């Protein structure tokens, strides 16, 4: 979208994305259980928490330009500014990659605040409980426990670093690729002393599943709240019949599990 290249420093950018479901939230929405009431999710989307003073967010914003320079030095590829991407097929969705690379690629940068003074492979291996070959470390005959591994966006898979395929960042990138109609995304993880680059390609089957659920969430839950807000009036967001059906089914399953097994 023109004139939104400044992203968060651009007033037009903020207005253009205000009533859209954007890629940074795609993972959370896609993984949302059909029987989970959407009120809290919609409330967070309509009234996002101000993270401008968060140390990790500051670290990422301040380091992004330097990471782009390091990326160019390592790959020979220059990064151009890019604004909010909108696709005519899903005008209610939006994506804002950290830049464009060449004619057919985008870049997404994540500065790893919790590992800012570490080599990335060593940091991930330590959290995952594996050695430098990616093999599980054994302690007293048992697998070494993972240390806060769930909070790490990377994993060592078959001996190599990669972005976790179930992490929100992966779903974010798949959304960016589909909406921008680009052929690949350079995922870049950075610390003060290291840089990791992975090329992520579009997963069309995954996106088809994502798009269906994202569209349903937007049209069934988010759009009604945009048109006729209830949260600011202290009311619960509207829910369609299929939510009630899913919730009732889950309660039935819970009841069945609580029933004592009949004696033979």
Protein backbone atom coordinates (compact mmCIF):
# COMPACT_ATOMS: atom_id res chain seq x y z
CA UNK A 1 0.00 0.00 0.00
CA UNK A 2 1.46 3.36 -1.06
CA UNK A 3 2.77 5.85 1.51
CA UNK A 4 2.93 3.31 4.34
CA UNK A 5 6.63 2.45 4.03
CA UNK A 6 7.36 4.12 7.35
CA UNK A 7 5.25 1.45 9.04
CA UNK A 8 4.81 2.28 12.75
CA UNK A 9 6.07 5.86 12.27
CA UNK A 10 3.43 6.44 9.58
CA UNK A 11 -0.02 7.65 10.55
CA UNK A 12 -1.47 6.26 7.31
CA UNK A 13 0.07 2.88 8.07
CA UNK A 14 -1.56 2.77 11.50
CA UNK A 15 -4.95 3.81 10.11
CA UNK A 16 -4.77 1.34 7.21
CA UNK A 17 -4.12 -1.61 9.51
CA UNK A 18 -6.48 -0.54 12.31
CA UNK A 19 -9.52 -2.45 11.02
CA UNK A 20 -7.62 -5.32 9.44
CA UNK A 21 -6.45 -8.62 10.84
CA UNK A 22 -2.67 -8.46 10.43
CA UNK A 23 -0.09 -11.19 9.99
CA UNK A 24 1.50 -10.90 13.43
CA UNK A 25 -1.79 -12.22 14.84
CA UNK A 26 -2.39 -14.98 12.30
CA UNK A 27 -0.79 -17.73 14.39
CA UNK A 28 -2.84 -16.97 17.48
CA UNK A 29 -6.09 -16.90 15.49
CA UNK A 30 -5.26 -20.03 13.48
CA UNK A 31 -4.51 -22.02 16.64
CA UNK A 32 -7.59 -20.76 18.47
CA UNK A 33 -9.91 -23.62 19.41
CA UNK A 34 -13.38 -23.35 17.85
CA UNK A 35 -14.93 -23.83 21.30
CA UNK A 36 -12.91 -21.04 22.93
CA UNK A 37 -14.97 -17.89 23.40
CA UNK A 38 -13.49 -15.15 21.18
CA UNK A 39 -14.20 -12.23 23.52
CA UNK A 40 -10.70 -11.90 25.02
CA UNK A 41 -9.02 -12.35 21.63
CA UNK A 42 -11.20 -9.68 20.00
CA UNK A 43 -10.65 -7.37 22.98
CA UNK A 44 -6.87 -7.66 22.64
CA UNK A 45 -7.08 -6.99 18.90
CA UNK A 46 -9.26 -3.90 19.34
CA UNK A 47 -7.32 -2.62 22.38
CA UNK A 48 -3.73 -3.81 21.97
CA UNK A 49 -1.26 -3.46 24.83
CA UNK A 50 1.29 -0.66 24.43
CA UNK A 51 4.65 -2.43 24.16
CA UNK A 52 6.68 0.61 23.13
CA UNK A 53 8.59 0.57 26.42
CA UNK A 54 9.15 -3.18 26.44
CA UNK A 55 12.89 -3.91 26.49
CA UNK A 56 12.68 -6.70 23.90
CA UNK A 57 10.57 -4.56 21.55
CA UNK A 58 13.00 -1.64 21.87
CA UNK A 59 15.91 -3.96 21.17
CA UNK A 60 14.24 -5.16 17.98
CA UNK A 61 13.25 -1.73 16.69
CA UNK A 62 16.65 -0.20 17.35
CA UNK A 63 18.54 -3.12 15.85
CA UNK A 64 16.54 -3.65 12.65
CA UNK A 65 18.53 -1.32 10.38
CA UNK A 66 21.83 -2.77 11.55
CA UNK A 67 20.54 -6.30 10.90
CA UNK A 68 19.61 -5.29 7.35
CA UNK A 69 23.19 -4.11 6.82
CA UNK A 70 24.57 -7.37 8.22
CA UNK A 71 22.18 -9.31 5.97
CA UNK A 72 23.45 -7.43 2.92
CA UNK A 73 27.07 -8.09 3.91
CA UNK A 74 26.38 -11.81 4.38
CA UNK A 75 24.17 -12.40 1.32
CA UNK A 76 24.91 -9.51 -1.04
CA UNK A 77 21.20 -8.67 -1.12
CA UNK A 78 19.89 -5.19 -0.40
CA UNK A 79 16.67 -4.61 1.54
CA UNK A 80 14.13 -2.00 0.43
CA UNK A 81 11.41 -0.44 2.54
CA UNK A 82 7.94 -1.86 2.21
CA UNK A 83 4.62 -0.71 3.60
CA UNK A 84 1.40 -2.49 4.43
CA UNK A 85 0.60 -5.26 1.95
CA UNK A 86 -3.07 -5.87 1.10
CA UNK A 87 -4.40 -8.48 -1.31
CA UNK A 88 -7.61 -7.95 -3.30
CA UNK A 89 -8.67 -11.52 -2.50
CA UNK A 90 -8.69 -10.81 1.24
CA UNK A 91 -8.88 -7.02 1.68
CA UNK A 92 -9.58 -7.41 5.41
CA UNK A 93 -6.17 -9.03 5.99
CA UNK A 94 -2.86 -7.19 6.06
CA UNK A 95 0.86 -7.91 6.27
CA UNK A 96 3.86 -5.69 6.84
CA UNK A 97 7.17 -7.53 6.27
CA UNK A 98 10.34 -5.82 7.39
CA UNK A 99 11.40 -5.20 3.82
CA UNK A 100 11.47 -6.31 0.20
CA UNK A 101 14.41 -8.18 -1.32
CA UNK A 102 14.69 -8.11 -5.10
CA UNK A 103 11.48 -8.45 -7.11
CA UNK A 104 10.11 -11.65 -5.58
CA UNK A 105 11.15 -11.89 -1.95
CA UNK A 106 10.50 -10.31 1.44
CA UNK A 107 12.40 -10.31 4.71
CA UNK A 108 11.24 -10.80 8.29
CA UNK A 109 13.68 -9.93 11.08
CA UNK A 110 13.59 -11.10 14.69
CA UNK A 111 16.16 -9.74 17.12
CA UNK A 112 16.63 -12.29 19.92
CA UNK A 113 16.76 -10.19 23.07
CA UNK A 114 17.05 -13.18 25.41
CA UNK A 115 20.11 -14.37 23.47
CA UNK A 116 21.57 -10.99 22.51
CA UNK A 117 25.12 -11.84 23.58
CA UNK A 118 25.06 -15.47 22.46
CA UNK A 119 25.77 -17.52 19.35
CA UNK A 120 22.34 -18.54 18.14
CA UNK A 121 23.02 -22.27 17.63
CA UNK A 122 24.57 -22.59 21.09
CA UNK A 123 21.67 -20.77 22.71
CA UNK A 124 19.03 -22.92 21.01
CA UNK A 125 20.95 -26.14 21.68
CA UNK A 126 21.15 -25.28 25.36
CA UNK A 127 17.41 -24.59 25.58
CA UNK A 128 16.53 -27.67 23.52
CA UNK A 129 18.84 -29.97 25.47
CA UNK A 130 20.90 -31.14 22.48
CA UNK A 131 24.62 -31.12 21.64
CA UNK A 132 26.46 -29.41 18.76
CA UNK A 133 25.36 -32.23 16.42
CA UNK A 134 21.75 -31.74 17.40
CA UNK A 135 21.63 -35.04 19.29
CA UNK A 136 19.74 -35.37 22.56
CA UNK A 137 21.91 -34.96 25.67
CA UNK A 138 21.46 -37.70 28.27
CA UNK A 139 21.85 -37.06 32.00
CA UNK A 140 21.78 -40.02 34.40
CA UNK A 141 20.22 -42.16 31.69
CA UNK A 142 17.43 -39.67 30.99
CA UNK A 143 16.97 -37.02 28.34
CA UNK A 144 18.14 -33.62 29.49
CA UNK A 145 15.16 -31.41 30.30
CA UNK A 146 14.42 -28.59 27.92
CA UNK A 147 14.97 -25.15 29.48
CA UNK A 148 12.25 -22.65 28.47
CA UNK A 149 12.43 -24.10 24.95
CA UNK A 150 8.80 -23.29 24.20
CA UNK A 151 9.64 -19.56 24.25
CA UNK A 152 12.35 -19.94 21.59
CA UNK A 153 11.29 -19.44 17.95
CA UNK A 154 14.06 -21.66 16.58
CA UNK A 155 14.82 -25.35 16.84
CA UNK A 156 17.58 -27.72 15.82
CA UNK A 157 16.07 -30.15 13.35
CA UNK A 158 18.19 -32.89 11.76
CA UNK A 159 21.29 -31.11 13.01
CA UNK A 160 20.43 -27.70 11.56
CA UNK A 161 18.80 -24.54 12.85
CA UNK A 162 15.38 -23.66 11.52
CA UNK A 163 12.30 -21.67 12.45
CA UNK A 164 9.83 -23.84 14.34
CA UNK A 165 7.01 -24.85 11.98
CA UNK A 166 4.39 -24.44 14.73
CA UNK A 167 5.63 -21.07 15.95
CA UNK A 168 3.55 -17.92 15.43
CA UNK A 169 6.39 -16.46 13.35
CA UNK A 170 6.02 -19.25 10.79
CA UNK A 171 2.31 -18.56 10.40
CA UNK A 172 3.07 -14.84 10.22
CA UNK A 173 5.49 -15.44 7.34
CA UNK A 174 3.07 -17.71 5.47
CA UNK A 175 0.51 -14.91 5.67
CA UNK A 176 3.03 -12.35 4.46
CA UNK A 177 3.97 -14.52 1.49
CA UNK A 178 0.36 -15.14 0.46
CA UNK A 179 -0.78 -11.54 0.82
CA UNK A 180 2.28 -10.02 -0.87
CA UNK A 181 2.32 -12.80 -3.51
CA UNK A 182 6.08 -13.23 -3.16
CA UNK A 183 8.05 -16.39 -3.83
CA UNK A 184 10.06 -16.59 -0.62
CA UNK A 185 10.83 -14.91 2.66
CA UNK A 186 14.24 -14.49 4.21
CA UNK A 187 13.71 -15.18 7.90
CA UNK A 188 16.53 -13.52 9.81
CA UNK A 189 17.26 -14.11 13.50
CA UNK A 190 19.89 -11.86 15.02
CA UNK A 191 21.89 -11.27 18.18
CA UNK A 192 24.68 -8.79 18.84
CA UNK A 193 27.23 -11.41 17.79
CA UNK A 194 25.45 -13.67 15.30
CA UNK A 195 23.07 -13.78 12.33
CA UNK A 196 20.96 -16.70 11.10
CA UNK A 197 19.17 -16.67 7.73
CA UNK A 198 16.62 -19.20 6.50
CA UNK A 199 14.65 -19.10 3.26
CA UNK A 200 10.97 -19.85 3.88
CA UNK A 201 8.83 -20.87 0.90
CA UNK A 202 5.03 -20.64 0.61
CA UNK A 203 3.05 -23.58 1.93
CA UNK A 204 -0.10 -23.37 -0.16
CA UNK A 205 -1.95 -26.15 1.67
CA UNK A 206 -1.26 -24.57 5.03
CA UNK A 207 -2.32 -21.14 3.77
CA UNK A 208 -5.60 -22.54 2.45
CA UNK A 209 -6.40 -23.80 5.95
CA UNK A 210 -5.19 -20.58 7.54
CA UNK A 211 -7.13 -18.31 5.19
CA UNK A 212 -10.37 -20.17 5.83
CA UNK A 213 -10.09 -19.83 9.60
CA UNK A 214 -8.80 -16.23 9.50
CA UNK A 215 -11.66 -15.17 7.22
CA UNK A 216 -14.23 -16.86 9.42
CA UNK A 217 -12.80 -15.18 12.52
CA UNK A 218 -12.77 -11.76 10.90
CA UNK A 219 -16.26 -11.94 9.39
CA UNK A 220 -17.94 -13.72 12.32
CA UNK A 221 -16.27 -12.02 15.29
CA UNK A 222 -14.03 -9.06 14.49
CA UNK A 223 -16.06 -7.23 11.83
CA UNK A 224 -19.29 -7.13 13.90
CA UNK A 225 -17.30 -5.58 16.75
CA UNK A 226 -15.80 -2.98 14.38
CA UNK A 227 -19.22 -2.04 12.97
CA UNK A 228 -21.15 -2.03 16.26
CA UNK A 229 -18.75 -2.11 19.24
CA UNK A 230 -19.92 -3.97 22.34
CA UNK A 231 -16.70 -4.21 24.36
CA UNK A 232 -16.59 -0.47 25.13
CA UNK A 233 -20.15 -0.83 26.46
CA UNK A 234 -19.11 -3.59 28.82
CA UNK A 235 -20.82 -6.27 26.73
CA UNK A 236 -19.55 -9.59 25.40
CA UNK A 237 -18.78 -9.82 21.68
CA UNK A 238 -21.33 -11.45 19.41
CA UNK A 239 -20.93 -15.11 18.54
CA UNK A 240 -22.51 -17.05 15.64
CA UNK A 241 -24.43 -20.32 16.11
CA UNK A 242 -21.43 -22.48 15.19
CA UNK A 243 -19.56 -21.26 18.28
CA UNK A 244 -22.38 -22.41 20.57
CA UNK A 245 -22.40 -25.77 18.80
CA UNK A 246 -18.63 -26.20 19.23
CA UNK A 247 -18.78 -25.15 22.89
CA UNK A 248 -21.64 -27.57 23.60
CA UNK A 249 -19.72 -30.39 21.91
CA UNK A 250 -16.65 -29.72 24.04
CA UNK A 251 -18.72 -29.71 27.24
CA UNK A 252 -20.26 -33.00 26.20
CA UNK A 253 -16.82 -34.49 25.68
CA UNK A 254 -15.73 -33.28 29.12
CA UNK A 255 -18.83 -34.84 30.68
CA UNK A 256 -18.14 -38.14 28.95
CA UNK A 257 -14.57 -38.15 30.29
CA UNK A 258 -15.78 -37.53 33.85
CA UNK A 259 -18.24 -40.43 33.78
CA UNK A 260 -16.92 -43.48 35.66
CA UNK A 261 -16.32 -46.50 33.48
CA UNK A 262 -19.01 -49.12 33.75
CA UNK A 263 -17.88 -52.34 35.37
CA UNK A 264 -17.75 -55.27 33.04
